[in-house]
Amino acid sequence: MPELPEVETTVRGLAGVLDGARLARVETRRADLRRPFPADLVQVMTGAVVTGLGRRAKYGLIHLDRGQTMIFHLGMSGRWRIEPESLGPHDHLVIETDSGERLALCDPRRFGSVDLVETARIGSWPAFATLGPEPLGDGLSPSKLKSALSGRKAAIKLMLLDQRIVAGLGNIYVCEALFRAGIDPRKAAGAVSGQALARLVPQIKAVIAEAIEAGGSSLRDYARPDGELGYFSKRFDVYDREGQPCSRCGAPVKRFAQGGRSTWYCPKCQK
């Protein structure tokens, strides 16, 4: 599933084509993805000017001059394609600008979504209303994270995946950040010391920033809008490296099931 760095990379790629552009043509090539396309999507977007793009958690935002924002989620396998040579069976939303550029939202599994929300009320949109702070912003600090985790008995790994604690963190980058901070992913979140959280927060920010710079991680179906593959996966310390030597101590990386997902960690380095 595309995570925060992949979505951020996508938004930046789209901005080069869409920011300031007038949308000359919008076509939905099927009725739905995970849920139906908004009934007025084509009407609202056709002729609108894109005033900016952004991201919240794992959602991409395309702001329009008509006071509305198109919000997209890439689901399990979605990605935007810029200037596709031809449209395929999984290109479900097509946008063309008045300068002739064409973009297609491709989603083979159709677990993604597209919504249309009043820009002024975007913060209260149900999917955003309970989100925690962005990991790269000032809202995430060791003291604030400690307060959010106080008394929590659930494992630190699972709490970091809770979007109410930190918005946008996913399995890949949580595994990597916990390794860098030397924290056992099974440890009760409320029992993680302030000193450990002071190590963890900078590592969360660093691993996310590095992944964005690398264009994300190319896993399964994900690629950047320009078709290039992100290469952060070449830097993984623990994720998907079961049985391989730890980059620090040489001990074999372990994997176990946690909250319905796989967790990778080094039993020697993470305490």
C-alpha atoms as a PDB file:
ATOM      1  CA  MET A   1       0.000   0.000   0.000  1.00  0.00           C
ATOM      2  CA  PRO A   2       1.377   3.462  -0.847  1.00  0.00           C
ATOM      3  CA  GLU A   3       2.336   5.176   2.407  1.00  0.00           C
ATOM      4  CA  LEU A   4       2.937   8.825   3.284  1.00  0.00           C
ATOM      5  CA  PRO A   5       6.209   9.222   1.312  1.00  0.00           C
ATOM      6  CA  GLU A   6       4.634   7.679  -1.781  1.00  0.00           C
ATOM      7  CA  VAL A   7       1.616   9.980  -1.520  1.00  0.00           C
ATOM      8  CA  GLU A   8       3.836  13.028  -0.968  1.00  0.00           C
ATOM      9  CA  THR A   9       5.942  12.040  -3.978  1.00  0.00           C
ATOM     10  CA  THR A  10       2.752  11.646  -6.008  1.00  0.00           C
ATOM     11  CA  VAL A  11       1.446  15.069  -4.980  1.00  0.00           C
ATOM     12  CA  ARG A  12       4.729  16.738  -5.879  1.00  0.00           C
ATOM     13  CA  GLY A  13       4.713  15.040  -9.261  1.00  0.00           C
ATOM     14  CA  LEU A  14       1.136  16.123  -9.952  1.00  0.00           C
ATOM     15  CA  ALA A  15       1.887  19.695  -8.877  1.00  0.00           C
ATOM     16  CA  GLY A  16       4.312  20.113 -11.765  1.00  0.00           C
ATOM     17  CA  VAL A  17       1.454  19.512 -14.198  1.00  0.00           C
ATOM     18  CA  LEU A  18      -1.683  20.641 -12.365  1.00  0.00           C
ATOM     19  CA  ASP A  19      -0.778  23.607 -10.166  1.00  0.00           C
ATOM     20  CA  GLY A  20      -2.337  26.683 -11.788  1.00  0.00           C
ATOM     21  CA  ALA A  21      -3.801  24.680 -14.662  1.00  0.00           C
ATOM     22  CA  ARG A  22      -7.369  24.884 -15.911  1.00  0.00           C
ATOM     23  CA  LEU A  23      -9.053  21.505 -16.220  1.00  0.00           C
ATOM     24  CA  ALA A  24     -10.476  21.221 -19.714  1.00  0.00           C
ATOM     25  CA  ARG A  25     -11.851  17.695 -19.482  1.00  0.00           C
ATOM     26  CA  VAL A  26     -12.611  15.257 -16.637  1.00  0.00           C
ATOM     27  CA  GLU A  27     -13.856  11.733 -17.281  1.00  0.00           C
ATOM     28  CA  THR A  28     -14.824   8.932 -14.922  1.00  0.00           C
ATOM     29  CA  ARG A  29     -14.463   5.676 -16.806  1.00  0.00           C
ATOM     30  CA  ARG A  30     -16.432   3.613 -14.309  1.00  0.00           C
ATOM     31  CA  ALA A  31     -18.940   4.377 -11.566  1.00  0.00           C
ATOM     32  CA  ASP A  32     -16.769   3.690  -8.536  1.00  0.00           C
ATOM     33  CA  LEU A  33     -13.519   2.714  -6.892  1.00  0.00           C
ATOM     34  CA  ARG A  34     -13.869   1.584  -3.284  1.00  0.00           C
ATOM     35  CA  ARG A  35     -17.018   3.695  -3.270  1.00  0.00           C
ATOM     36  CA  PRO A  36     -18.819   5.677  -5.974  1.00  0.00           C
ATOM     37  CA  PHE A  37     -17.237   8.751  -7.496  1.00  0.00           C
ATOM     38  CA  PRO A  38     -18.997  11.946  -6.308  1.00  0.00           C
ATOM     39  CA  ALA A  39     -22.048  12.540  -8.487  1.00  0.00           C
ATOM     40  CA  ASP A  40     -20.978  16.113  -9.279  1.00  0.00           C
ATOM     41  CA  LEU A  41     -17.241  15.433  -9.674  1.00  0.00           C
ATOM     42  CA  VAL A  42     -17.093  15.966 -13.434  1.00  0.00           C
ATOM     43  CA  GLN A  43     -19.321  19.051 -13.322  1.00  0.00           C
ATOM     44  CA  VAL A  44     -17.364  20.727 -10.512  1.00  0.00           C
ATOM     45  CA  MET A  45     -13.899  19.949 -11.868  1.00  0.00           C
ATOM     46  CA  THR A  46     -14.429  20.659 -15.564  1.00  0.00           C
ATOM     47  CA  GLY A  47     -13.358  24.240 -16.234  1.00  0.00           C
ATOM     48  CA  ALA A  48     -11.981  24.744 -12.711  1.00  0.00           C
ATOM     49  CA  VAL A  49      -8.491  26.086 -12.040  1.00  0.00           C
ATOM     50  CA  VAL A  50      -6.220  24.164  -9.673  1.00  0.00           C
ATOM     51  CA  THR A  51      -5.101  26.614  -6.988  1.00  0.00           C
ATOM     52  CA  GLY A  52      -2.754  24.252  -5.171  1.00  0.00           C
ATOM     53  CA  LEU A  53      -2.038  20.688  -4.141  1.00  0.00           C
ATOM     54  CA  GLY A  54      -1.319  19.170  -0.752  1.00  0.00           C
ATOM     55  CA  ARG A  55      -1.390  16.095   1.405  1.00  0.00           C
ATOM     56  CA  ARG A  56      -2.984  15.092   4.701  1.00  0.00           C
ATOM     57  CA  ALA A  57      -1.868  11.755   6.144  1.00  0.00           C
ATOM     58  CA  LYS A  58      -2.089   9.310   3.205  1.00  0.00           C
ATOM     59  CA  TYR A  59      -4.549  11.432   1.222  1.00  0.00           C
ATOM     60  CA  GLY A  60      -3.695  13.709  -1.698  1.00  0.00           C
ATOM     61  CA  LEU A  61      -5.459  17.065  -2.076  1.00  0.00           C
ATOM     62  CA  ILE A  62      -6.207  18.975  -5.281  1.00  0.00           C
ATOM     63  CA  HIS A  63      -7.634  22.421  -4.439  1.00  0.00           C
ATOM     64  CA  LEU A  64      -9.933  24.109  -6.942  1.00  0.00           C
ATOM     65  CA  ASP A  65     -10.863  27.761  -7.433  1.00  0.00           C
ATOM     66  CA  ARG A  66     -14.508  26.839  -6.936  1.00  0.00           C
ATOM     67  CA  GLY A  67     -14.066  26.421  -3.195  1.00  0.00           C
ATOM     68  CA  GLN A  68     -13.842  22.646  -3.325  1.00  0.00           C
ATOM     69  CA  THR A  69     -11.030  20.145  -2.957  1.00  0.00           C
ATOM     70  CA  MET A  70     -10.729  16.792  -4.629  1.00  0.00           C
ATOM     71  CA  ILE A  71      -9.329  14.283  -2.127  1.00  0.00           C
ATOM     72  CA  PHE A  72      -7.823  11.056  -3.400  1.00  0.00           C
ATOM     73  CA  HIS A  73      -6.565   7.939  -1.656  1.00  0.00           C
ATOM     74  CA  LEU A  74      -4.436   5.450  -3.575  1.00  0.00           C
ATOM     75  CA  GLY A  75      -5.698   2.404  -1.703  1.00  0.00           C
ATOM     76  CA  MET A  76      -3.612  -0.736  -2.204  1.00  0.00           C
ATOM     77  CA  SER A  77      -2.456  -0.329  -5.785  1.00  0.00           C
ATOM     78  CA  GLY A  78      -3.431   3.115  -7.056  1.00  0.00           C
ATOM     79  CA  ARG A  79      -1.135   5.562  -8.794  1.00  0.00           C
ATOM     80  CA  TRP A  80      -1.411   8.553 -11.083  1.00  0.00           C
ATOM     81  CA  ARG A  81       0.066   8.345 -14.565  1.00  0.00           C
ATOM     82  CA  ILE A  82       1.190  11.524 -16.312  1.00  0.00           C
ATOM     83  CA  GLU A  83       0.882  11.617 -20.090  1.00  0.00           C
ATOM     84  CA  PRO A  84       0.082   7.917 -20.549  1.00  0.00           C
ATOM     85  CA  GLU A  85       0.698   6.803 -24.117  1.00  0.00           C
ATOM     86  CA  SER A  86      -2.697   5.124 -24.077  1.00  0.00           C
ATOM     87  CA  LEU A  87      -5.416   4.495 -21.507  1.00  0.00           C
ATOM     88  CA  GLY A  88      -5.704   1.036 -20.011  1.00  0.00           C
ATOM     89  CA  PRO A  89      -8.562  -0.885 -18.388  1.00  0.00           C
ATOM     90  CA  HIS A  90      -7.512   0.247 -14.903  1.00  0.00           C
ATOM     91  CA  ASP A  91      -7.350   3.979 -15.686  1.00  0.00           C
ATOM     92  CA  HIS A  92     -10.595   4.944 -13.975  1.00  0.00           C
ATOM     93  CA  LEU A  93     -10.339   8.746 -13.815  1.00  0.00           C
ATOM     94  CA  VAL A  94      -8.858  10.898 -16.574  1.00  0.00           C
ATOM     95  CA  ILE A  95      -8.043  14.611 -16.321  1.00  0.00           C
ATOM     96  CA  GLU A  96      -6.917  16.820 -19.200  1.00  0.00           C
ATOM     97  CA  THR A  97      -5.690  20.404 -18.830  1.00  0.00           C
ATOM     98  CA  ASP A  98      -6.299  23.243 -21.267  1.00  0.00           C
ATOM     99  CA  SER A  99      -2.612  23.092 -22.245  1.00  0.00           C
ATOM    100  CA  GLY A 100      -2.990  19.500 -23.388  1.00  0.00           C
ATOM    101  CA  GLU A 101      -1.551  17.440 -20.516  1.00  0.00           C
ATOM    102  CA  ARG A 102      -3.384  14.247 -19.596  1.00  0.00           C
ATOM    103  CA  LEU A 103      -3.352  12.402 -16.276  1.00  0.00           C
ATOM    104  CA  ALA A 104      -4.939   9.087 -15.398  1.00  0.00           C
ATOM    105  CA  LEU A 105      -5.699   7.603 -11.990  1.00  0.00           C
ATOM    106  CA  CYS A 106      -4.885   3.921 -12.341  1.00  0.00           C
ATOM    107  CA  ASP A 107      -6.162   1.545  -9.659  1.00  0.00           C
ATOM    108  CA  PRO A 108      -6.221  -2.166 -10.592  1.00  0.00           C
ATOM    109  CA  ARG A 109      -7.669  -3.351  -7.272  1.00  0.00           C
ATOM    110  CA  ARG A 110     -10.006  -0.388  -6.856  1.00  0.00           C
ATOM    111  CA  PHE A 111      -9.348   0.041  -3.131  1.00  0.00           C
ATOM    112  CA  GLY A 112      -8.678   3.747  -3.628  1.00  0.00           C
ATOM    113  CA  SER A 113     -11.183   6.566  -3.374  1.00  0.00           C
ATOM    114  CA  VAL A 114     -11.997  10.026  -4.722  1.00  0.00           C
ATOM    115  CA  ASP A 115     -14.045  12.561  -2.762  1.00  0.00           C
ATOM    116  CA  LEU A 116     -15.082  16.165  -3.220  1.00  0.00           C
ATOM    117  CA  VAL A 117     -15.152  18.368  -0.101  1.00  0.00           C
ATOM    118  CA  GLU A 118     -15.685  22.061   0.592  1.00  0.00           C
ATOM    119  CA  THR A 119     -12.199  23.431   1.125  1.00  0.00           C
ATOM    120  CA  ALA A 120     -13.259  25.617   4.057  1.00  0.00           C
ATOM    121  CA  ARG A 121     -14.564  22.557   5.905  1.00  0.00           C
ATOM    122  CA  ILE A 122     -11.835  20.116   5.036  1.00  0.00           C
ATOM    123  CA  GLY A 123     -10.597  19.849   8.619  1.00  0.00           C
ATOM    124  CA  SER A 124     -13.962  18.524   9.775  1.00  0.00           C
ATOM    125  CA  TRP A 125     -14.290  15.976   6.977  1.00  0.00           C
ATOM    126  CA  PRO A 126     -14.866  12.660   8.822  1.00  0.00           C
ATOM    127  CA  ALA A 127     -11.650  11.017   7.636  1.00  0.00           C
ATOM    128  CA  PHE A 128      -9.620  14.035   8.800  1.00  0.00           C
ATOM    129  CA  ALA A 129     -11.456  15.066  11.960  1.00  0.00           C
ATOM    130  CA  THR A 130      -9.704  12.592  14.280  1.00  0.00           C
ATOM    131  CA  LEU A 131      -6.268  12.510  12.676  1.00  0.00           C
ATOM    132  CA  GLY A 132      -3.211  13.099  14.817  1.00  0.00           C
ATOM    133  CA  PRO A 133      -0.334  15.449  13.929  1.00  0.00           C
ATOM    134  CA  GLU A 134       1.675  15.126  10.740  1.00  0.00           C
ATOM    135  CA  PRO A 135       5.010  13.384  11.405  1.00  0.00           C
ATOM    136  CA  LEU A 136       7.071  16.083   9.686  1.00  0.00           C
ATOM    137  CA  GLY A 137       5.365  19.005  11.395  1.00  0.00           C
ATOM    138  CA  ASP A 138       5.900  20.713  14.736  1.00  0.00           C
ATOM    139  CA  GLY A 139       2.855  18.900  16.110  1.00  0.00           C
ATOM    140  CA  LEU A 140       4.940  15.760  16.618  1.00  0.00           C
ATOM    141  CA  SER A 141       7.459  16.137  19.423  1.00  0.00           C
ATOM    142  CA  PRO A 142       8.774  13.745  22.095  1.00  0.00           C
ATOM    143  CA  SER A 143       6.728  15.471  24.814  1.00  0.00           C
ATOM    144  CA  LYS A 144       3.508  15.459  22.789  1.00  0.00           C
ATOM    145  CA  LEU A 145       3.987  11.838  21.786  1.00  0.00           C
ATOM    146  CA  LYS A 146       4.646  10.854  25.395  1.00  0.00           C
ATOM    147  CA  SER A 147       1.415  12.549  26.433  1.00  0.00           C
ATOM    148  CA  ALA A 148      -0.538  10.757  23.683  1.00  0.00           C
ATOM    149  CA  LEU A 149       0.900   7.385  24.723  1.00  0.00           C
ATOM    150  CA  SER A 150       0.555   7.837  28.470  1.00  0.00           C
ATOM    151  CA  GLY A 151      -0.997   4.791  30.110  1.00  0.00           C
ATOM    152  CA  ARG A 152      -1.373   2.914  26.826  1.00  0.00           C
ATOM    153  CA  LYS A 153      -0.718  -0.809  27.172  1.00  0.00           C
ATOM    154  CA  ALA A 154      -0.836  -1.608  23.465  1.00  0.00           C
ATOM    155  CA  ALA A 155       2.495  -2.172  21.724  1.00  0.00           C
ATOM    156  CA  ILE A 156       4.386   0.918  20.577  1.00  0.00           C
ATOM    157  CA  LYS A 157       4.374  -0.356  16.979  1.00  0.00           C
ATOM    158  CA  LEU A 158       0.579  -0.598  16.958  1.00  0.00           C
ATOM    159  CA  MET A 159       0.142   2.800  18.582  1.00  0.00           C
ATOM    160  CA  LEU A 160       2.312   4.452  15.954  1.00  0.00           C
ATOM    161  CA  LEU A 161       0.095   2.931  13.272  1.00  0.00           C
ATOM    162  CA  ASP A 162      -2.976   4.437  14.945  1.00  0.00           C
ATOM    163  CA  GLN A 163      -3.783   7.466  12.787  1.00  0.00           C
ATOM    164  CA  ARG A 164      -5.194   9.256  15.841  1.00  0.00           C
ATOM    165  CA  ILE A 165      -1.714   9.247  17.384  1.00  0.00           C
ATOM    166  CA  VAL A 166       0.327  10.221  14.314  1.00  0.00           C
ATOM    167  CA  ALA A 167      -1.220  10.841  10.907  1.00  0.00           C
ATOM    168  CA  GLY A 168       0.103   8.970   7.922  1.00  0.00           C
ATOM    169  CA  LEU A 169       2.560   6.517   9.434  1.00  0.00           C
ATOM    170  CA  GLY A 170       2.471   3.041   7.890  1.00  0.00           C
ATOM    171  CA  ASN A 171       4.049  -0.329   8.466  1.00  0.00           C
ATOM    172  CA  ILE A 172       7.232   0.157   6.456  1.00  0.00           C
ATOM    173  CA  TYR A 173       8.403   3.379   8.027  1.00  0.00           C
ATOM    174  CA  VAL A 174       7.325   2.516  11.566  1.00  0.00           C
ATOM    175  CA  CYS A 175       9.439  -0.658  11.419  1.00  0.00           C
ATOM    176  CA  GLU A 176      12.388   1.341  10.139  1.00  0.00           C
ATOM    177  CA  ALA A 177      12.035   4.182  12.666  1.00  0.00           C
ATOM    178  CA  LEU A 178      11.740   1.813  15.632  1.00  0.00           C
ATOM    179  CA  PHE A 179      14.899   0.040  14.493  1.00  0.00           C
ATOM    180  CA  ARG A 180      16.816   3.288  14.175  1.00  0.00           C
ATOM    181  CA  ALA A 181      15.666   4.336  17.649  1.00  0.00           C
ATOM    182  CA  GLY A 182      16.508   0.939  19.171  1.00  0.00           C
ATOM    183  CA  ILE A 183      12.988   0.313  20.507  1.00  0.00           C
ATOM    184  CA  ASP A 184      11.390  -3.135  20.692  1.00  0.00           C
ATOM    185  CA  PRO A 185       8.155  -2.946  18.647  1.00  0.00           C
ATOM    186  CA  ARG A 186       6.402  -5.161  21.234  1.00  0.00           C
ATOM    187  CA  LYS A 187       7.011  -2.823  24.166  1.00  0.00           C
ATOM    188  CA  ALA A 188       3.932  -1.280  25.779  1.00  0.00           C
ATOM    189  CA  ALA A 189       3.609   2.244  24.395  1.00  0.00           C
ATOM    190  CA  GLY A 190       3.044   3.814  27.796  1.00  0.00           C
ATOM    191  CA  ALA A 191       6.217   2.163  29.107  1.00  0.00           C
ATOM    192  CA  VAL A 192       8.510   3.666  26.471  1.00  0.00           C
ATOM    193  CA  SER A 193      10.715   6.160  28.281  1.00  0.00           C
ATOM    194  CA  GLY A 194      10.957   9.826  27.489  1.00  0.00           C
ATOM    195  CA  GLN A 195      14.586   9.239  26.551  1.00  0.00           C
ATOM    196  CA  ALA A 196      13.583   6.583  24.027  1.00  0.00           C
ATOM    197  CA  LEU A 197      10.879   8.825  22.569  1.00  0.00           C
ATOM    198  CA  ALA A 198      13.451  11.583  22.243  1.00  0.00           C
ATOM    199  CA  ARG A 199      15.361   9.192  19.971  1.00  0.00           C
ATOM    200  CA  LEU A 200      12.268   7.958  18.167  1.00  0.00           C
ATOM    201  CA  VAL A 201      10.675  11.226  17.027  1.00  0.00           C
ATOM    202  CA  PRO A 202      13.755  12.476  15.112  1.00  0.00           C
ATOM    203  CA  GLN A 203      14.084   9.057  13.501  1.00  0.00           C
ATOM    204  CA  ILE A 204      10.438   9.093  12.399  1.00  0.00           C
ATOM    205  CA  LYS A 205      11.008  12.475  10.792  1.00  0.00           C
ATOM    206  CA  ALA A 206      14.308  11.367   9.243  1.00  0.00           C
ATOM    207  CA  VAL A 207      13.057   8.123   7.726  1.00  0.00           C
ATOM    208  CA  ILE A 208       9.987   9.835   6.250  1.00  0.00           C
ATOM    209  CA  ALA A 209      12.068  12.690   4.825  1.00  0.00           C
ATOM    210  CA  GLU A 210      14.623  10.295   3.354  1.00  0.00           C
ATOM    211  CA  ALA A 211      11.900   8.162   1.784  1.00  0.00           C
ATOM    212  CA  ILE A 212      10.313  11.235   0.171  1.00  0.00           C
ATOM    213  CA  GLU A 213      13.696  12.298  -1.177  1.00  0.00           C
ATOM    214  CA  ALA A 214      14.172   8.796  -2.623  1.00  0.00           C
ATOM    215  CA  GLY A 215      10.763   8.880  -4.293  1.00  0.00           C
ATOM    216  CA  GLY A 216       9.196   6.363  -1.928  1.00  0.00           C
ATOM    217  CA  SER A 217       9.498   2.590  -1.897  1.00  0.00           C
ATOM    218  CA  SER A 218       8.533   0.654  -5.002  1.00  0.00           C
ATOM    219  CA  LEU A 219       6.542  -2.249  -3.645  1.00  0.00           C
ATOM    220  CA  ARG A 220       4.209  -4.253  -5.846  1.00  0.00           C
ATOM    221  CA  ASP A 221       2.279  -1.822  -8.046  1.00  0.00           C
ATOM    222  CA  TYR A 222       3.536   1.562  -6.870  1.00  0.00           C
ATOM    223  CA  ALA A 223       5.459   3.919  -9.139  1.00  0.00           C
ATOM    224  CA  ARG A 224       5.770   7.692  -9.225  1.00  0.00           C
ATOM    225  CA  PRO A 225       3.485   9.661 -11.574  1.00  0.00           C
ATOM    226  CA  ASP A 226       6.317   9.956 -14.113  1.00  0.00           C
ATOM    227  CA  GLY A 227       6.624   6.159 -14.157  1.00  0.00           C
ATOM    228  CA  GLU A 228       9.934   6.093 -12.292  1.00  0.00           C
ATOM    229  CA  LEU A 229      10.371   3.725  -9.357  1.00  0.00           C
ATOM    230  CA  GLY A 230      11.222   4.967  -5.881  1.00  0.00           C
ATOM    231  CA  TYR A 231      14.403   3.470  -4.475  1.00  0.00           C
ATOM    232  CA  PHE A 232      14.100   3.823  -0.686  1.00  0.00           C
ATOM    233  CA  SER A 233      13.545   0.049  -0.483  1.00  0.00           C
ATOM    234  CA  LYS A 234      17.257  -0.331  -1.174  1.00  0.00           C
ATOM    235  CA  ARG A 235      17.898   1.353   2.190  1.00  0.00           C
ATOM    236  CA  PHE A 236      15.688  -0.849   4.367  1.00  0.00           C
ATOM    237  CA  ASP A 237      17.417  -1.906   7.583  1.00  0.00           C
ATOM    238  CA  VAL A 238      14.793  -4.400   8.756  1.00  0.00           C
ATOM    239  CA  TYR A 239      11.604  -4.244   6.672  1.00  0.00           C
ATOM    240  CA  ASP A 240      11.159  -7.391   4.564  1.00  0.00           C
ATOM    241  CA  ARG A 241      14.639  -8.625   5.573  1.00  0.00           C
ATOM    242  CA  GLU A 242      13.780 -11.663   7.685  1.00  0.00           C
ATOM    243  CA  GLY A 243      16.829 -13.865   8.225  1.00  0.00           C
ATOM    244  CA  GLN A 244      19.247 -11.337   6.749  1.00  0.00           C
ATOM    245  CA  PRO A 245      21.992  -9.848   8.938  1.00  0.00           C
ATOM    246  CA  CYS A 246      21.229  -6.690  10.895  1.00  0.00           C
ATOM    247  CA  SER A 247      23.095  -3.739   9.392  1.00  0.00           C
ATOM    248  CA  ARG A 248      24.384  -2.825  12.856  1.00  0.00           C
ATOM    249  CA  CYS A 249      25.164  -5.998  14.765  1.00  0.00           C
ATOM    250  CA  GLY A 250      24.941  -8.770  12.190  1.00  0.00           C
ATOM    251  CA  ALA A 251      22.280 -10.773  14.050  1.00  0.00           C
ATOM    252  CA  PRO A 252      19.498 -12.156  11.837  1.00  0.00           C
ATOM    253  CA  VAL A 253      16.483  -9.901  11.413  1.00  0.00           C
ATOM    254  CA  LYS A 254      13.306 -11.455  12.845  1.00  0.00           C
ATOM    255  CA  ARG A 255       9.699 -11.222  11.692  1.00  0.00           C
ATOM    256  CA  PHE A 256       6.485 -11.846  13.618  1.00  0.00           C
ATOM    257  CA  ALA A 257       2.775 -11.115  13.204  1.00  0.00           C
ATOM    258  CA  GLN A 258       1.500  -8.082  15.094  1.00  0.00           C
ATOM    259  CA  GLY A 259      -1.952  -6.595  14.763  1.00  0.00           C
ATOM    260  CA  GLY A 260      -2.606  -8.503  11.573  1.00  0.00           C
ATOM    261  CA  ARG A 261       0.605  -7.271   9.925  1.00  0.00           C
ATOM    262  CA  SER A 262       4.202  -8.390   9.773  1.00  0.00           C
ATOM    263  CA  THR A 263       6.752  -6.682  11.975  1.00  0.00           C
ATOM    264  CA  TRP A 264      10.478  -6.894  11.281  1.00  0.00           C
ATOM    265  CA  TYR A 265      13.076  -6.035  13.934  1.00  0.00           C
ATOM    266  CA  CYS A 266      16.501  -6.873  15.327  1.00  0.00           C
ATOM    267  CA  PRO A 267      16.168  -8.671  18.686  1.00  0.00           C
ATOM    268  CA  LYS A 268      19.672  -7.562  19.723  1.00  0.00           C
ATOM    269  CA  CYS A 269      19.503  -3.884  18.796  1.00  0.00           C
ATOM    270  CA  GLN A 270      15.906  -3.167  19.808  1.00  0.00           C
ATOM    271  CA  LYS A 271      15.178  -3.372  23.521  1.00  0.00           C
END
